[in-house]
């Protein structure tokens, strides 16, 4: 999957988290972020850091490609 905007990235994070049965609270705690921040990320809501990152990537013509498997295997790539 090619990721060209932050909304794409949020959708992938949510899909993989859901497929693995991980609760938002648990993932947020593991990542040392608030649940609200994770919710905003999954919804594709822009924040300063993500906006700047994607602006730089787009300006330079860089596309991020993400591969993942919707399972609970530990060797999956996100």
C-alpha atoms as a PDB file:
ATOM      1  CA  UNK A   1       0.000   0.000   0.000  1.00  0.00           C
ATOM      2  CA  UNK A   2       1.356   3.396  -0.929  1.00  0.00           C
ATOM      3  CA  UNK A   3       0.930   6.048   1.731  1.00  0.00           C
ATOM      4  CA  UNK A   4       0.738   9.553   0.306  1.00  0.00           C
ATOM      5  CA  UNK A   5      -1.183  11.288   3.085  1.00  0.00           C
ATOM      6  CA  UNK A   6      -1.464  10.934   6.827  1.00  0.00           C
ATOM      7  CA  UNK A   7      -5.047   9.669   6.589  1.00  0.00           C
ATOM      8  CA  UNK A   8      -3.732   6.548   4.834  1.00  0.00           C
ATOM      9  CA  UNK A   9      -1.279   5.909   7.639  1.00  0.00           C
ATOM     10  CA  UNK A  10      -3.943   6.241  10.325  1.00  0.00           C
ATOM     11  CA  UNK A  11      -6.219   3.785   8.523  1.00  0.00           C
ATOM     12  CA  UNK A  12      -3.428   1.201   8.371  1.00  0.00           C
ATOM     13  CA  UNK A  13      -2.602   1.588  12.059  1.00  0.00           C
ATOM     14  CA  UNK A  14      -6.256   1.140  13.015  1.00  0.00           C
ATOM     15  CA  UNK A  15      -6.791  -1.846  10.696  1.00  0.00           C
ATOM     16  CA  UNK A  16      -3.756  -3.706  11.989  1.00  0.00           C
ATOM     17  CA  UNK A  17      -4.533  -2.881  15.626  1.00  0.00           C
ATOM     18  CA  UNK A  18      -8.132  -4.069  15.201  1.00  0.00           C
ATOM     19  CA  UNK A  19      -7.107  -7.242  13.360  1.00  0.00           C
ATOM     20  CA  UNK A  20      -4.795  -8.160  16.218  1.00  0.00           C
ATOM     21  CA  UNK A  21      -7.410  -7.480  18.858  1.00  0.00           C
ATOM     22  CA  UNK A  22      -5.352  -4.773  20.542  1.00  0.00           C
ATOM     23  CA  UNK A  23      -7.314  -2.155  22.448  1.00  0.00           C
ATOM     24  CA  UNK A  24      -6.517   1.506  21.921  1.00  0.00           C
ATOM     25  CA  UNK A  25      -5.807   1.907  25.628  1.00  0.00           C
ATOM     26  CA  UNK A  26      -3.263  -0.896  25.580  1.00  0.00           C
ATOM     27  CA  UNK A  27      -1.466   0.285  22.447  1.00  0.00           C
ATOM     28  CA  UNK A  28      -1.382   3.875  23.672  1.00  0.00           C
ATOM     29  CA  UNK A  29       0.130   2.716  26.944  1.00  0.00           C
ATOM     30  CA  UNK A  30       2.731   0.581  25.129  1.00  0.00           C
ATOM     31  CA  UNK A  31       3.658   3.577  22.977  1.00  0.00           C
ATOM     32  CA  UNK A  32       3.694   5.998  25.925  1.00  0.00           C
ATOM     33  CA  UNK A  33       1.119   8.250  24.263  1.00  0.00           C
ATOM     34  CA  UNK A  34      -2.395   9.214  25.268  1.00  0.00           C
ATOM     35  CA  UNK A  35      -5.385   7.299  23.962  1.00  0.00           C
ATOM     36  CA  UNK A  36      -6.707  10.569  22.575  1.00  0.00           C
ATOM     37  CA  UNK A  37      -3.524  11.082  20.533  1.00  0.00           C
ATOM     38  CA  UNK A  38      -3.832   7.534  19.160  1.00  0.00           C
ATOM     39  CA  UNK A  39      -7.486   8.149  18.270  1.00  0.00           C
ATOM     40  CA  UNK A  40      -6.545  11.310  16.404  1.00  0.00           C
ATOM     41  CA  UNK A  41      -3.765   9.460  14.577  1.00  0.00           C
ATOM     42  CA  UNK A  42      -6.081   6.619  13.546  1.00  0.00           C
ATOM     43  CA  UNK A  43      -8.706   9.076  12.309  1.00  0.00           C
ATOM     44  CA  UNK A  44      -6.089  10.739  10.132  1.00  0.00           C
ATOM     45  CA  UNK A  45      -6.392  14.059  11.879  1.00  0.00           C
ATOM     46  CA  UNK A  46      -3.410  16.251  11.141  1.00  0.00           C
ATOM     47  CA  UNK A  47      -1.014  17.409  13.786  1.00  0.00           C
ATOM     48  CA  UNK A  48       2.010  19.620  13.429  1.00  0.00           C
ATOM     49  CA  UNK A  49       4.599  16.841  13.266  1.00  0.00           C
ATOM     50  CA  UNK A  50       2.748  14.600  10.822  1.00  0.00           C
ATOM     51  CA  UNK A  51       1.822  17.557   8.624  1.00  0.00           C
ATOM     52  CA  UNK A  52       5.464  18.645   8.430  1.00  0.00           C
ATOM     53  CA  UNK A  53       6.634  15.083   7.757  1.00  0.00           C
ATOM     54  CA  UNK A  54       4.237  14.571   4.863  1.00  0.00           C
ATOM     55  CA  UNK A  55       4.947  18.042   3.466  1.00  0.00           C
ATOM     56  CA  UNK A  56       8.655  17.166   3.344  1.00  0.00           C
ATOM     57  CA  UNK A  57       7.981  13.747   1.806  1.00  0.00           C
ATOM     58  CA  UNK A  58       5.654  15.169  -0.838  1.00  0.00           C
ATOM     59  CA  UNK A  59       8.002  18.037  -1.673  1.00  0.00           C
ATOM     60  CA  UNK A  60      10.850  15.590  -2.205  1.00  0.00           C
ATOM     61  CA  UNK A  61       8.678  13.155  -4.173  1.00  0.00           C
ATOM     62  CA  UNK A  62       9.024  10.410  -1.576  1.00  0.00           C
ATOM     63  CA  UNK A  63       6.281   7.801  -1.257  1.00  0.00           C
ATOM     64  CA  UNK A  64       6.134   5.497   1.731  1.00  0.00           C
ATOM     65  CA  UNK A  65       5.078   1.927   1.048  1.00  0.00           C
ATOM     66  CA  UNK A  66       3.712  -0.133   3.911  1.00  0.00           C
ATOM     67  CA  UNK A  67       3.290  -3.870   3.908  1.00  0.00           C
ATOM     68  CA  UNK A  68       1.398  -5.654   6.622  1.00  0.00           C
ATOM     69  CA  UNK A  69      -0.566  -8.775   7.334  1.00  0.00           C
ATOM     70  CA  UNK A  70      -3.788  -8.671   9.269  1.00  0.00           C
ATOM     71  CA  UNK A  71      -2.857 -11.366  11.786  1.00  0.00           C
ATOM     72  CA  UNK A  72      -1.209 -11.743  15.156  1.00  0.00           C
ATOM     73  CA  UNK A  73       2.154 -12.983  13.898  1.00  0.00           C
ATOM     74  CA  UNK A  74       5.103 -11.238  15.476  1.00  0.00           C
ATOM     75  CA  UNK A  75       7.131 -11.180  12.244  1.00  0.00           C
ATOM     76  CA  UNK A  76       4.635  -8.950  10.396  1.00  0.00           C
ATOM     77  CA  UNK A  77       5.730  -5.590   9.082  1.00  0.00           C
ATOM     78  CA  UNK A  78       3.802  -2.410   9.724  1.00  0.00           C
END
